[in-house]
Amino acid sequence: MANEMQRDHLEGEELIEAFKGFGPTNEKDSISYEMLRQTLNEDEGIVLSEYELTELFEMADYDKDAKIGYTDFCRLMMAR
């Protein structure tokens, strides 16, 4: 049980760090469309068309509030 709790804690920290990689400074912030575009295109070299980027953003924005919050991000990452 302790090992599972430790693993869950590490996975949580890794998710927070991955989330922060898109621009937010903590899990209470959110990822904007522009942050997503910049991180993928400029920082990671992943070039998406505006259509593809919009589709990705809308898919990740589970609560449809025009931003990707930490909960949205976790849902997306856990869905893989």
N, C-alpha and C. Protein backbone atom coordinates (compact mmCIF):
# COMPACT_ATOMS: atom_id res chain seq x y z
N MET A 1 0.82 -1.19 0.00
CA MET A 1 0.00 0.00 0.00
C MET A 1 0.87 1.26 0.00
N ALA A 2 1.91 1.26 0.82
CA ALA A 2 2.80 2.42 0.89
C ALA A 2 3.50 2.65 -0.44
N ASN A 3 3.91 1.56 -1.11
CA ASN A 3 4.56 1.71 -2.42
C ASN A 3 3.61 2.32 -3.43
N GLU A 4 2.34 1.91 -3.41
CA GLU A 4 1.35 2.45 -4.33
C GLU A 4 1.11 3.93 -4.06
N MET A 5 1.06 4.32 -2.80
CA MET A 5 0.87 5.73 -2.45
C MET A 5 2.06 6.56 -2.91
N GLN A 6 3.27 6.01 -2.73
CA GLN A 6 4.47 6.72 -3.16
C GLN A 6 4.48 6.86 -4.68
N ARG A 7 4.10 5.80 -5.40
CA ARG A 7 4.04 5.84 -6.86
C ARG A 7 3.03 6.89 -7.32
N ASP A 8 1.86 6.91 -6.69
CA ASP A 8 0.83 7.90 -7.04
C ASP A 8 1.32 9.31 -6.80
N HIS A 9 2.05 9.52 -5.70
CA HIS A 9 2.60 10.84 -5.39
C HIS A 9 3.61 11.27 -6.45
N LEU A 10 4.49 10.34 -6.85
CA LEU A 10 5.48 10.67 -7.88
C LEU A 10 4.80 10.96 -9.21
N GLU A 11 3.78 10.17 -9.57
CA GLU A 11 3.06 10.43 -10.81
C GLU A 11 2.38 11.79 -10.76
N GLY A 12 1.84 12.15 -9.59
CA GLY A 12 1.22 13.46 -9.43
C GLY A 12 2.21 14.59 -9.62
N GLU A 13 3.38 14.43 -9.04
CA GLU A 13 4.42 15.45 -9.19
C GLU A 13 4.88 15.55 -10.65
N GLU A 14 4.98 14.41 -11.32
CA GLU A 14 5.38 14.42 -12.73
C GLU A 14 4.32 15.11 -13.59
N LEU A 15 3.05 14.89 -13.26
CA LEU A 15 1.98 15.56 -13.99
C LEU A 15 2.04 17.07 -13.78
N ILE A 16 2.28 17.49 -12.56
CA ILE A 16 2.38 18.93 -12.26
C ILE A 16 3.53 19.53 -13.05
N GLU A 17 4.68 18.86 -13.07
CA GLU A 17 5.83 19.38 -13.82
C GLU A 17 5.56 19.42 -15.31
N ALA A 18 4.89 18.40 -15.84
CA ALA A 18 4.54 18.40 -17.26
C ALA A 18 3.58 19.54 -17.57
N PHE A 19 2.61 19.75 -16.69
CA PHE A 19 1.64 20.84 -16.84
C PHE A 19 2.36 22.19 -16.85
N LYS A 20 3.28 22.36 -15.92
CA LYS A 20 4.03 23.61 -15.83
C LYS A 20 4.88 23.85 -17.08
N GLY A 21 5.25 22.77 -17.76
CA GLY A 21 6.05 22.90 -18.98
C GLY A 21 5.34 23.66 -20.09
N PHE A 22 4.02 23.80 -19.97
CA PHE A 22 3.25 24.55 -20.96
C PHE A 22 3.08 26.02 -20.58
N GLY A 23 3.61 26.42 -19.43
CA GLY A 23 3.57 27.82 -19.06
C GLY A 23 3.01 28.17 -17.70
N PRO A 24 2.01 27.43 -17.21
CA PRO A 24 1.48 27.78 -15.89
C PRO A 24 2.55 27.63 -14.81
N THR A 25 2.45 28.45 -13.79
CA THR A 25 3.44 28.39 -12.72
C THR A 25 3.03 27.42 -11.61
N ASN A 26 1.76 27.04 -11.57
CA ASN A 26 1.31 26.06 -10.58
C ASN A 26 0.02 25.40 -11.07
N GLU A 27 -0.48 24.43 -10.32
CA GLU A 27 -1.65 23.69 -10.78
C GLU A 27 -2.95 24.47 -10.68
N LYS A 28 -2.93 25.67 -10.15
CA LYS A 28 -4.13 26.51 -10.09
C LYS A 28 -4.25 27.39 -11.35
N ASP A 29 -3.16 27.53 -12.10
CA ASP A 29 -3.17 28.28 -13.35
C ASP A 29 -3.75 27.40 -14.46
N SER A 30 -3.77 27.92 -15.66
CA SER A 30 -4.27 27.14 -16.78
C SER A 30 -3.44 27.42 -18.04
N ILE A 31 -3.60 26.54 -19.01
CA ILE A 31 -2.89 26.65 -20.28
C ILE A 31 -3.82 27.33 -21.29
N SER A 32 -3.36 28.41 -21.85
CA SER A 32 -4.14 29.10 -22.88
C SER A 32 -3.83 28.48 -24.25
N TYR A 33 -4.64 28.82 -25.22
CA TYR A 33 -4.42 28.37 -26.59
C TYR A 33 -3.03 28.79 -27.06
N GLU A 34 -2.67 30.03 -26.78
CA GLU A 34 -1.37 30.55 -27.20
C GLU A 34 -0.22 29.82 -26.51
N MET A 35 -0.37 29.51 -25.22
CA MET A 35 0.67 28.75 -24.50
C MET A 35 0.86 27.38 -25.13
N LEU A 36 -0.25 26.73 -25.48
CA LEU A 36 -0.19 25.41 -26.11
C LEU A 36 0.53 25.51 -27.45
N ARG A 37 0.13 26.48 -28.26
CA ARG A 37 0.76 26.67 -29.57
C ARG A 37 2.26 26.92 -29.44
N GLN A 38 2.61 27.83 -28.56
CA GLN A 38 4.02 28.19 -28.40
C GLN A 38 4.84 27.01 -27.91
N THR A 39 4.35 26.30 -26.93
CA THR A 39 5.10 25.17 -26.38
C THR A 39 5.28 24.08 -27.43
N LEU A 40 4.22 23.73 -28.12
CA LEU A 40 4.33 22.68 -29.13
C LEU A 40 5.17 23.12 -30.32
N ASN A 41 4.85 24.26 -30.90
CA ASN A 41 5.52 24.71 -32.11
C ASN A 41 6.96 25.18 -31.87
N GLU A 42 7.13 26.08 -30.94
CA GLU A 42 8.44 26.71 -30.76
C GLU A 42 9.35 25.92 -29.84
N ASP A 43 8.84 25.43 -28.73
CA ASP A 43 9.69 24.75 -27.75
C ASP A 43 9.95 23.30 -28.10
N GLU A 44 8.94 22.61 -28.61
CA GLU A 44 9.06 21.19 -28.90
C GLU A 44 9.26 20.88 -30.38
N GLY A 45 9.09 21.87 -31.25
CA GLY A 45 9.26 21.66 -32.68
C GLY A 45 8.13 20.86 -33.33
N ILE A 46 6.99 20.80 -32.66
CA ILE A 46 5.83 20.10 -33.21
C ILE A 46 4.96 21.14 -33.89
N VAL A 47 4.94 21.10 -35.20
CA VAL A 47 4.19 22.10 -35.96
C VAL A 47 2.82 21.52 -36.33
N LEU A 48 1.78 22.15 -35.82
CA LEU A 48 0.41 21.75 -36.12
C LEU A 48 -0.28 22.87 -36.88
N SER A 49 -1.19 22.49 -37.74
CA SER A 49 -1.99 23.51 -38.41
C SER A 49 -2.92 24.15 -37.38
N GLU A 50 -3.49 25.29 -37.72
CA GLU A 50 -4.43 25.93 -36.80
C GLU A 50 -5.61 25.01 -36.51
N TYR A 51 -6.06 24.28 -37.52
CA TYR A 51 -7.16 23.34 -37.35
C TYR A 51 -6.78 22.25 -36.35
N GLU A 52 -5.59 21.64 -36.52
CA GLU A 52 -5.14 20.59 -35.62
C GLU A 52 -4.96 21.10 -34.20
N LEU A 53 -4.39 22.29 -34.08
CA LEU A 53 -4.18 22.87 -32.76
C LEU A 53 -5.51 23.17 -32.08
N THR A 54 -6.46 23.70 -32.84
CA THR A 54 -7.78 23.98 -32.29
C THR A 54 -8.46 22.69 -31.85
N GLU A 55 -8.37 21.65 -32.65
CA GLU A 55 -8.96 20.35 -32.30
C GLU A 55 -8.33 19.80 -31.01
N LEU A 56 -7.02 19.87 -30.91
CA LEU A 56 -6.32 19.39 -29.72
C LEU A 56 -6.75 20.19 -28.49
N PHE A 57 -6.80 21.50 -28.64
CA PHE A 57 -7.18 22.36 -27.52
C PHE A 57 -8.60 22.05 -27.06
N GLU A 58 -9.50 21.93 -28.01
CA GLU A 58 -10.90 21.66 -27.66
C GLU A 58 -11.06 20.28 -27.04
N MET A 59 -10.29 19.30 -27.50
CA MET A 59 -10.33 17.96 -26.93
C MET A 59 -9.82 17.97 -25.49
N ALA A 60 -8.79 18.76 -25.22
CA ALA A 60 -8.21 18.80 -23.89
C ALA A 60 -9.03 19.64 -22.91
N ASP A 61 -9.82 20.56 -23.42
CA ASP A 61 -10.62 21.46 -22.58
C ASP A 61 -11.93 20.77 -22.20
N TYR A 62 -11.84 19.82 -21.27
CA TYR A 62 -13.00 19.01 -20.89
C TYR A 62 -14.17 19.84 -20.37
N ASP A 63 -13.89 20.87 -19.60
CA ASP A 63 -14.99 21.66 -19.02
C ASP A 63 -15.42 22.83 -19.90
N LYS A 64 -14.82 22.93 -21.08
CA LYS A 64 -15.21 23.92 -22.10
C LYS A 64 -15.23 25.36 -21.58
N ASP A 65 -14.17 25.71 -20.84
CA ASP A 65 -14.07 27.08 -20.33
C ASP A 65 -13.00 27.89 -21.06
N ALA A 66 -12.59 27.42 -22.24
CA ALA A 66 -11.62 28.11 -23.10
C ALA A 66 -10.22 28.18 -22.50
N LYS A 67 -9.90 27.22 -21.63
CA LYS A 67 -8.55 27.09 -21.10
C LYS A 67 -8.38 25.65 -20.61
N ILE A 68 -7.14 25.21 -20.57
CA ILE A 68 -6.86 23.86 -20.10
C ILE A 68 -6.33 23.97 -18.68
N GLY A 69 -7.18 23.64 -17.74
CA GLY A 69 -6.79 23.66 -16.34
C GLY A 69 -6.06 22.39 -15.97
N TYR A 70 -5.56 22.34 -14.77
CA TYR A 70 -4.81 21.17 -14.31
C TYR A 70 -5.67 19.91 -14.36
N THR A 71 -6.94 20.02 -13.97
CA THR A 71 -7.84 18.86 -14.00
C THR A 71 -8.04 18.39 -15.44
N ASP A 72 -8.23 19.33 -16.37
CA ASP A 72 -8.35 18.98 -17.78
C ASP A 72 -7.10 18.24 -18.25
N PHE A 73 -5.94 18.78 -17.89
CA PHE A 73 -4.67 18.22 -18.30
C PHE A 73 -4.50 16.79 -17.79
N CYS A 74 -4.85 16.59 -16.52
CA CYS A 74 -4.74 15.25 -15.92
C CYS A 74 -5.67 14.26 -16.62
N ARG A 75 -6.87 14.69 -16.91
CA ARG A 75 -7.82 13.82 -17.61
C ARG A 75 -7.26 13.42 -18.97
N LEU A 76 -6.70 14.37 -19.67
CA LEU A 76 -6.13 14.09 -20.99
C LEU A 76 -4.96 13.11 -20.87
N MET A 77 -4.09 13.35 -19.93
CA MET A 77 -2.91 12.50 -19.78
C MET A 77 -3.26 11.10 -19.29
N MET A 78 -4.26 10.99 -18.47
CA MET A 78 -4.66 9.69 -17.93
C MET A 78 -5.48 8.90 -18.95
N ALA A 79 -6.01 9.56 -19.96
CA ALA A 79 -6.84 8.89 -20.97
C ALA A 79 -6.00 8.08 -21.95
N ARG A 80 -4.69 8.30 -21.97
CA ARG A 80 -3.82 7.62 -22.93
C ARG A 80 -3.77 6.15 -22.67
